[in-house]
Amino acid sequence: MSENPYAKKPWLEHYDEKVPHHIDYPNMNIYEFLDNSAKDFGGRTAIWFMKSKITYKKFKDIADRLATALVNLGVKRGDVVAIMIPNFPQFIFSYYAILKAGGIVTACSVLHTEYELAYQLNDSGAEILIAWDNQVDKINKTRDKTRLSHCIS
C-alpha cells in the first residue's frame, strides 16, 4: 500500500511565517453562528441586498419561521431539502432554515434544464424544494419524474 502524500501536508511549507498551520474552531454547528450573531449584533446589518438591509435579528427570525414550517411539513434530521433560488437573501434564509430543521441542503441552479433538475432531485433524494417563483413551471413539468412532495415558492 502506498503512503498518502497528503499525510505530510506539503502545502504547509509554502505558508507565510505568521500563518498558523492549524486553527481551532468553536465546536458548534453553523446555525449557532447565526444564533450568536443575532444575540450579539441583532441590530447590525447581516445582509445588504440592492437597497434593502436586513439585520441579524430579522435574518434569524425569518430563518426560524421557515425552519418551523419545514418541520411542520415533516422535515427531520438527515432529510434532503433542495433550494432553487438565485443569489437572493431568500437563498440564505432557506439554507439556514434547512440546517436548523436538521436537513441537508442541495442547491439547484435556476439554469438547470428540466432533465437536470429531475436528475439532481432524484440523485439527492430531495422531497421538498424551496424555489424562486419564476421556476414553478419548470418544476411542475418535472414533478412527476421525482419524489417531490412539496414545493415552496
Protein backbone atom coordinates (compact mmCIF):
# COMPACT_ATOMS: atom_id res chain seq x y z
CA MET A 1 0.00 0.00 0.00
CA SER A 2 1.40 3.42 -0.95
CA GLU A 3 1.76 6.24 1.54
CA ASN A 4 -0.81 9.02 1.47
CA PRO A 5 1.02 12.10 0.07
CA TYR A 6 -1.39 14.40 1.92
CA ALA A 7 -0.48 12.99 5.34
CA LYS A 8 2.72 15.10 5.35
CA LYS A 9 0.76 18.27 4.42
CA PRO A 10 3.35 19.55 1.91
CA TRP A 11 1.43 22.81 1.39
CA LEU A 12 2.32 23.99 4.90
CA GLU A 13 5.91 24.75 3.85
CA HIS A 14 4.51 27.40 1.48
CA TYR A 15 2.53 29.25 4.17
CA ASP A 16 3.78 32.68 5.21
CA GLU A 17 5.60 32.77 8.53
CA LYS A 18 2.70 34.24 10.50
CA VAL A 19 0.00 31.98 9.06
CA PRO A 20 -0.89 29.28 11.60
CA HIS A 21 -0.77 25.67 10.48
CA HIS A 22 -3.89 24.89 12.48
CA ILE A 23 -6.89 26.91 13.61
CA ASP A 24 -9.11 25.81 16.47
CA TYR A 25 -12.73 26.34 15.53
CA PRO A 26 -15.54 26.51 18.07
CA ASN A 27 -17.40 23.24 18.45
CA MET A 28 -20.81 24.39 17.20
CA ASN A 29 -23.00 23.92 14.19
CA ILE A 30 -23.36 26.63 11.58
CA TYR A 31 -26.81 27.68 12.79
CA GLU A 32 -25.34 28.51 16.20
CA PHE A 33 -23.17 31.14 14.49
CA LEU A 34 -26.34 32.88 13.30
CA ASP A 35 -27.93 32.45 16.73
CA ASN A 36 -24.91 34.05 18.41
CA SER A 37 -24.71 36.85 15.84
CA ALA A 38 -28.39 37.67 16.39
CA LYS A 39 -27.78 37.84 20.16
CA ASP A 40 -24.55 39.83 19.95
CA PHE A 41 -25.22 42.01 16.89
CA GLY A 42 -29.01 41.88 16.48
CA GLY A 43 -29.39 45.43 15.21
CA ARG A 44 -26.47 45.31 12.80
CA THR A 45 -26.80 44.63 9.10
CA ALA A 46 -26.35 40.97 8.17
CA ILE A 47 -27.46 41.20 4.53
CA TRP A 48 -27.45 44.17 2.23
CA PHE A 49 -29.28 43.34 -0.99
CA MET A 50 -29.89 46.04 -3.55
CA LYS A 51 -31.17 48.89 -1.35
CA SER A 52 -32.55 46.73 1.46
CA LYS A 53 -30.73 45.97 4.69
CA ILE A 54 -31.66 43.01 6.86
CA THR A 55 -30.43 42.83 10.44
CA TYR A 56 -29.15 39.69 12.13
CA LYS A 57 -32.26 39.70 14.32
CA LYS A 58 -34.59 39.81 11.29
CA PHE A 59 -32.48 37.24 9.44
CA LYS A 60 -32.72 34.83 12.39
CA ASP A 61 -36.46 35.45 12.75
CA ILE A 62 -37.11 34.63 9.08
CA ALA A 63 -34.89 31.53 9.19
CA ASP A 64 -36.58 30.34 12.41
CA ARG A 65 -40.06 30.74 10.92
CA LEU A 66 -39.11 28.84 7.78
CA ALA A 67 -37.42 26.12 9.86
CA THR A 68 -40.66 25.71 11.83
CA ALA A 69 -42.63 25.43 8.58
CA LEU A 70 -40.22 22.79 7.29
CA VAL A 71 -40.52 20.75 10.48
CA ASN A 72 -44.30 21.04 10.21
CA LEU A 73 -44.02 19.62 6.68
CA GLY A 74 -42.17 16.64 8.13
CA VAL A 75 -38.50 17.54 7.66
CA LYS A 76 -36.37 15.65 10.13
CA ARG A 77 -32.66 15.13 10.71
CA GLY A 78 -30.94 13.88 7.57
CA ASP A 79 -33.71 14.73 5.11
CA VAL A 80 -32.56 16.47 1.93
CA VAL A 81 -34.25 19.74 1.03
CA ALA A 82 -33.50 21.45 -2.29
CA ILE A 83 -33.15 25.18 -2.86
CA MET A 84 -33.67 26.62 -6.35
CA ILE A 85 -33.19 30.34 -5.83
CA PRO A 86 -30.52 32.61 -7.34
CA ASN A 87 -28.26 34.81 -5.20
CA PHE A 88 -31.11 36.44 -3.27
CA PRO A 89 -31.50 36.76 0.50
CA GLN A 90 -34.18 34.06 0.30
CA PHE A 91 -31.48 31.54 -0.57
CA ILE A 92 -29.59 32.39 2.61
CA PHE A 93 -32.74 32.25 4.76
CA SER A 94 -33.63 28.88 3.24
CA TYR A 95 -30.14 27.49 3.76
CA TYR A 96 -30.09 28.32 7.46
CA ALA A 97 -33.69 27.18 7.95
CA ILE A 98 -32.98 23.78 6.43
CA LEU A 99 -29.95 23.33 8.66
CA LYS A 100 -31.90 24.37 11.76
CA ALA A 101 -34.63 21.86 10.88
CA GLY A 102 -31.94 19.17 10.72
CA GLY A 103 -31.97 18.85 6.97
CA ILE A 104 -29.27 18.60 4.35
CA VAL A 105 -29.16 21.25 1.63
CA THR A 106 -28.84 20.56 -2.06
CA ALA A 107 -28.65 23.72 -4.17
CA CYS A 108 -30.20 23.52 -7.65
CA SER A 109 -29.30 26.04 -10.31
CA VAL A 110 -32.10 28.14 -11.75
CA LEU A 111 -30.36 27.49 -15.08
CA HIS A 112 -30.98 23.73 -14.85
CA THR A 113 -32.95 22.17 -17.66
CA GLU A 114 -35.96 20.06 -16.67
CA TYR A 115 -33.84 16.94 -17.13
CA GLU A 116 -31.00 18.28 -14.96
CA LEU A 117 -33.40 19.37 -12.24
CA ALA A 118 -35.12 15.97 -12.14
CA TYR A 119 -31.74 14.24 -12.07
CA GLN A 120 -30.47 16.31 -9.13
CA LEU A 121 -33.69 15.96 -7.15
CA ASN A 122 -33.68 12.19 -7.65
CA ASP A 123 -29.96 11.81 -7.05
CA SER A 124 -30.11 13.80 -3.80
CA GLY A 125 -33.36 12.26 -2.60
CA ALA A 126 -34.97 15.66 -2.03
CA GLU A 127 -38.70 15.57 -1.37
CA ILE A 128 -39.10 19.27 -0.60
CA LEU A 129 -37.99 22.12 -2.85
CA ILE A 130 -37.84 25.81 -1.95
CA ALA A 131 -37.91 27.69 -5.23
CA TRP A 132 -37.93 31.10 -6.86
CA ASP A 133 -41.48 31.61 -8.09
CA ASN A 134 -40.44 32.03 -11.73
CA GLN A 135 -39.20 28.41 -11.69
CA VAL A 136 -42.60 26.88 -10.88
CA ASP A 137 -43.46 25.96 -14.49
CA LYS A 138 -40.18 24.06 -14.88
CA ILE A 139 -40.71 22.35 -11.53
CA ASN A 140 -44.27 21.33 -12.38
CA LYS A 141 -43.07 19.76 -15.64
CA THR A 142 -40.55 17.60 -13.76
CA ARG A 143 -42.54 16.88 -10.62
CA ASP A 144 -43.97 13.53 -11.74
CA LYS A 145 -40.43 12.33 -12.51
CA THR A 146 -39.24 13.00 -8.94
CA ARG A 147 -40.15 12.23 -5.33
CA LEU A 148 -41.15 15.84 -4.60
CA SER A 149 -43.97 16.04 -2.10
CA HIS A 150 -43.82 19.81 -1.51
CA CYS A 151 -42.66 22.87 -3.42
CA ILE A 152 -42.45 26.17 -1.56
CA SER A 153 -42.28 29.26 -3.77
